[in-house]
Amino acid sequence: MKKLINAIRRGWATVTGHGDREAGMATAEYAVGTVAVISFGGVLFKLISDPVFRDLLWKLVQWLFNLIMGLIGGGA
């Protein structure tokens, strides 16, 4: 009988929000994830807005395009 009463109390504590010490963890995890995504976006924006990085990225795209075209026989 004692086990049944404890099980009912645990269930009621979950419904009322009492007794579950990790109930707010999901909110904290979402907050940390949001900050991480915004920070990563800021770093990407800073990199892409840098002319040196854009030039390096463009050269990489051209090199990959030429490599692929050479492999499939499209190069002259």
N, C-alpha and C. Protein backbone atom coordinates (compact mmCIF):
# COMPACT_ATOMS: atom_id res chain seq x y z
N MET A 1 0.81 -1.19 0.00
CA MET A 1 0.00 0.00 0.00
C MET A 1 0.86 1.26 0.00
N LYS A 2 1.98 1.19 0.72
CA LYS A 2 2.86 2.35 0.80
C LYS A 2 3.46 2.67 -0.58
N LYS A 3 3.78 1.62 -1.34
CA LYS A 3 4.32 1.84 -2.69
C LYS A 3 3.29 2.52 -3.58
N LEU A 4 2.04 2.14 -3.45
CA LEU A 4 0.98 2.75 -4.24
C LEU A 4 0.81 4.22 -3.88
N ILE A 5 0.85 4.54 -2.60
CA ILE A 5 0.71 5.93 -2.17
C ILE A 5 1.89 6.76 -2.67
N ASN A 6 3.10 6.22 -2.60
CA ASN A 6 4.27 6.95 -3.10
C ASN A 6 4.19 7.15 -4.61
N ALA A 7 3.71 6.16 -5.33
CA ALA A 7 3.57 6.29 -6.78
C ALA A 7 2.55 7.37 -7.12
N ILE A 8 1.45 7.42 -6.38
CA ILE A 8 0.44 8.46 -6.62
C ILE A 8 1.02 9.83 -6.31
N ARG A 9 1.77 9.93 -5.22
CA ARG A 9 2.39 11.23 -4.86
C ARG A 9 3.38 11.67 -5.94
N ARG A 10 4.17 10.73 -6.44
CA ARG A 10 5.13 11.09 -7.51
C ARG A 10 4.39 11.56 -8.75
N GLY A 11 3.31 10.89 -9.09
CA GLY A 11 2.51 11.30 -10.25
C GLY A 11 1.91 12.67 -10.06
N TRP A 12 1.39 12.94 -8.87
CA TRP A 12 0.79 14.25 -8.59
C TRP A 12 1.86 15.34 -8.58
N ALA A 13 3.05 15.02 -8.06
CA ALA A 13 4.13 16.00 -8.05
C ALA A 13 4.54 16.36 -9.47
N THR A 14 4.47 15.40 -10.38
CA THR A 14 4.80 15.68 -11.78
C THR A 14 3.75 16.59 -12.40
N VAL A 15 2.50 16.38 -12.08
CA VAL A 15 1.42 17.19 -12.64
C VAL A 15 1.49 18.62 -12.12
N THR A 16 1.76 18.79 -10.83
CA THR A 16 1.78 20.12 -10.23
C THR A 16 3.11 20.83 -10.44
N GLY A 17 4.11 20.12 -10.90
CA GLY A 17 5.41 20.74 -11.12
C GLY A 17 6.32 20.68 -9.93
N HIS A 18 5.88 20.06 -8.84
CA HIS A 18 6.71 19.92 -7.65
C HIS A 18 7.41 18.56 -7.68
N GLY A 19 8.62 18.54 -7.20
CA GLY A 19 9.31 17.27 -7.08
C GLY A 19 10.18 16.93 -8.28
N ASP A 20 9.98 17.54 -9.41
CA ASP A 20 10.82 17.26 -10.58
C ASP A 20 11.85 18.37 -10.70
N ARG A 21 13.03 18.10 -10.24
CA ARG A 21 14.06 19.15 -10.17
C ARG A 21 14.61 19.52 -11.55
N GLU A 22 14.40 18.71 -12.56
CA GLU A 22 14.92 18.99 -13.89
C GLU A 22 13.83 19.47 -14.84
N ALA A 23 12.73 19.96 -14.33
CA ALA A 23 11.62 20.38 -15.18
C ALA A 23 12.00 21.57 -16.05
N GLY A 24 12.85 22.45 -15.57
CA GLY A 24 13.23 23.62 -16.35
C GLY A 24 14.44 23.42 -17.23
N MET A 25 14.99 22.23 -17.27
CA MET A 25 16.20 22.00 -18.05
C MET A 25 15.98 22.16 -19.54
N ALA A 26 14.83 21.81 -20.03
CA ALA A 26 14.59 21.94 -21.47
C ALA A 26 14.68 23.40 -21.89
N THR A 27 14.14 24.30 -21.08
CA THR A 27 14.19 25.72 -21.39
C THR A 27 15.63 26.21 -21.40
N ALA A 28 16.42 25.79 -20.42
CA ALA A 28 17.83 26.20 -20.36
C ALA A 28 18.60 25.65 -21.56
N GLU A 29 18.31 24.42 -21.95
CA GLU A 29 19.01 23.84 -23.10
C GLU A 29 18.64 24.56 -24.39
N TYR A 30 17.37 24.94 -24.53
CA TYR A 30 16.98 25.71 -25.71
C TYR A 30 17.67 27.07 -25.73
N ALA A 31 17.81 27.69 -24.58
CA ALA A 31 18.48 28.99 -24.50
C ALA A 31 19.95 28.88 -24.91
N VAL A 32 20.62 27.86 -24.42
CA VAL A 32 22.03 27.66 -24.77
C VAL A 32 22.17 27.36 -26.26
N GLY A 33 21.27 26.54 -26.78
CA GLY A 33 21.30 26.24 -28.22
C GLY A 33 21.05 27.46 -29.07
N THR A 34 20.12 28.31 -28.65
CA THR A 34 19.83 29.54 -29.40
C THR A 34 21.03 30.46 -29.41
N VAL A 35 21.67 30.63 -28.27
CA VAL A 35 22.87 31.48 -28.20
C VAL A 35 23.97 30.92 -29.09
N ALA A 36 24.14 29.61 -29.10
CA ALA A 36 25.18 28.99 -29.93
C ALA A 36 24.91 29.21 -31.41
N VAL A 37 23.65 29.06 -31.83
CA VAL A 37 23.31 29.25 -33.25
C VAL A 37 23.50 30.70 -33.66
N ILE A 38 23.10 31.63 -32.82
CA ILE A 38 23.28 33.05 -33.14
C ILE A 38 24.76 33.41 -33.21
N SER A 39 25.55 32.87 -32.31
CA SER A 39 27.00 33.13 -32.33
C SER A 39 27.63 32.56 -33.60
N PHE A 40 27.26 31.35 -33.96
CA PHE A 40 27.78 30.73 -35.17
C PHE A 40 27.39 31.53 -36.40
N GLY A 41 26.15 32.01 -36.44
CA GLY A 41 25.70 32.86 -37.55
C GLY A 41 26.49 34.15 -37.63
N GLY A 42 26.79 34.74 -36.48
CA GLY A 42 27.59 35.96 -36.46
C GLY A 42 28.99 35.74 -37.00
N VAL A 43 29.58 34.62 -36.62
CA VAL A 43 30.93 34.30 -37.13
C VAL A 43 30.89 34.08 -38.64
N LEU A 44 29.88 33.35 -39.12
CA LEU A 44 29.76 33.14 -40.57
C LEU A 44 29.56 34.46 -41.31
N PHE A 45 28.71 35.33 -40.77
CA PHE A 45 28.48 36.62 -41.41
C PHE A 45 29.77 37.43 -41.47
N LYS A 46 30.54 37.43 -40.39
CA LYS A 46 31.80 38.16 -40.36
C LYS A 46 32.78 37.60 -41.38
N LEU A 47 32.84 36.27 -41.50
CA LEU A 47 33.74 35.66 -42.47
C LEU A 47 33.33 35.98 -43.90
N ILE A 48 32.05 35.86 -44.19
CA ILE A 48 31.59 36.08 -45.56
C ILE A 48 31.70 37.55 -45.96
N SER A 49 31.59 38.44 -45.01
CA SER A 49 31.70 39.86 -45.35
C SER A 49 33.15 40.31 -45.52
N ASP A 50 34.10 39.45 -45.18
CA ASP A 50 35.52 39.77 -45.34
C ASP A 50 35.92 39.51 -46.79
N PRO A 51 36.48 40.53 -47.49
CA PRO A 51 36.84 40.34 -48.91
C PRO A 51 37.90 39.26 -49.14
N VAL A 52 38.83 39.10 -48.23
CA VAL A 52 39.88 38.08 -48.38
C VAL A 52 39.25 36.69 -48.32
N PHE A 53 38.33 36.47 -47.40
CA PHE A 53 37.67 35.18 -47.29
C PHE A 53 36.80 34.91 -48.51
N ARG A 54 36.08 35.93 -48.99
CA ARG A 54 35.25 35.74 -50.19
C ARG A 54 36.10 35.36 -51.39
N ASP A 55 37.27 36.00 -51.52
CA ASP A 55 38.17 35.69 -52.63
C ASP A 55 38.68 34.26 -52.52
N LEU A 56 39.05 33.86 -51.31
CA LEU A 56 39.52 32.49 -51.10
C LEU A 56 38.40 31.49 -51.39
N LEU A 57 37.19 31.78 -50.96
CA LEU A 57 36.06 30.90 -51.22
C LEU A 57 35.76 30.80 -52.72
N TRP A 58 35.83 31.93 -53.42
CA TRP A 58 35.58 31.93 -54.86
C TRP A 58 36.64 31.11 -55.60
N LYS A 59 37.90 31.23 -55.18
CA LYS A 59 38.97 30.44 -55.80
C LYS A 59 38.76 28.95 -55.55
N LEU A 60 38.28 28.60 -54.35
CA LEU A 60 38.00 27.21 -54.04
C LEU A 60 36.87 26.67 -54.92
N VAL A 61 35.82 27.45 -55.10
CA VAL A 61 34.70 27.03 -55.96
C VAL A 61 35.17 26.85 -57.40
N GLN A 62 35.97 27.77 -57.90
CA GLN A 62 36.49 27.66 -59.27
C GLN A 62 37.37 26.42 -59.41
N TRP A 63 38.23 26.16 -58.41
CA TRP A 63 39.10 25.01 -58.46
C TRP A 63 38.28 23.72 -58.47
N LEU A 64 37.26 23.64 -57.62
CA LEU A 64 36.41 22.44 -57.60
C LEU A 64 35.67 22.26 -58.92
N PHE A 65 35.16 23.35 -59.48
CA PHE A 65 34.46 23.28 -60.75
C PHE A 65 35.39 22.77 -61.85
N ASN A 66 36.61 23.31 -61.92
CA ASN A 66 37.58 22.88 -62.92
C ASN A 66 37.97 21.41 -62.71
N LEU A 67 38.10 20.98 -61.46
CA LEU A 67 38.44 19.61 -61.16
C LEU A 67 37.32 18.66 -61.64
N ILE A 68 36.09 19.01 -61.33
CA ILE A 68 34.96 18.17 -61.74
C ILE A 68 34.82 18.14 -63.25
N MET A 69 34.97 19.27 -63.88
CA MET A 69 34.86 19.32 -65.34
C MET A 69 35.99 18.51 -65.98
N GLY A 70 37.17 18.53 -65.38
CA GLY A 70 38.28 17.73 -65.90
C GLY A 70 38.04 16.24 -65.74
N LEU A 71 37.39 15.86 -64.65
CA LEU A 71 37.12 14.45 -64.40
C LEU A 71 36.04 13.88 -65.31
N ILE A 72 35.07 14.70 -65.64
CA ILE A 72 33.99 14.18 -66.50
C ILE A 72 34.27 14.42 -67.97
N GLY A 73 35.42 15.02 -68.28
CA GLY A 73 35.82 15.18 -69.68
C GLY A 73 35.31 16.45 -70.31
N GLY A 74 34.87 17.41 -69.52
CA GLY A 74 34.36 18.66 -70.09
C GLY A 74 35.43 19.70 -70.28
N GLY A 75 36.64 19.43 -69.80
CA GLY A 75 37.72 20.41 -69.92
C GLY A 75 38.33 20.39 -71.33
N ALA A 76 38.81 21.53 -71.76
CA ALA A 76 39.38 21.64 -73.12
C ALA A 76 40.85 21.30 -73.10
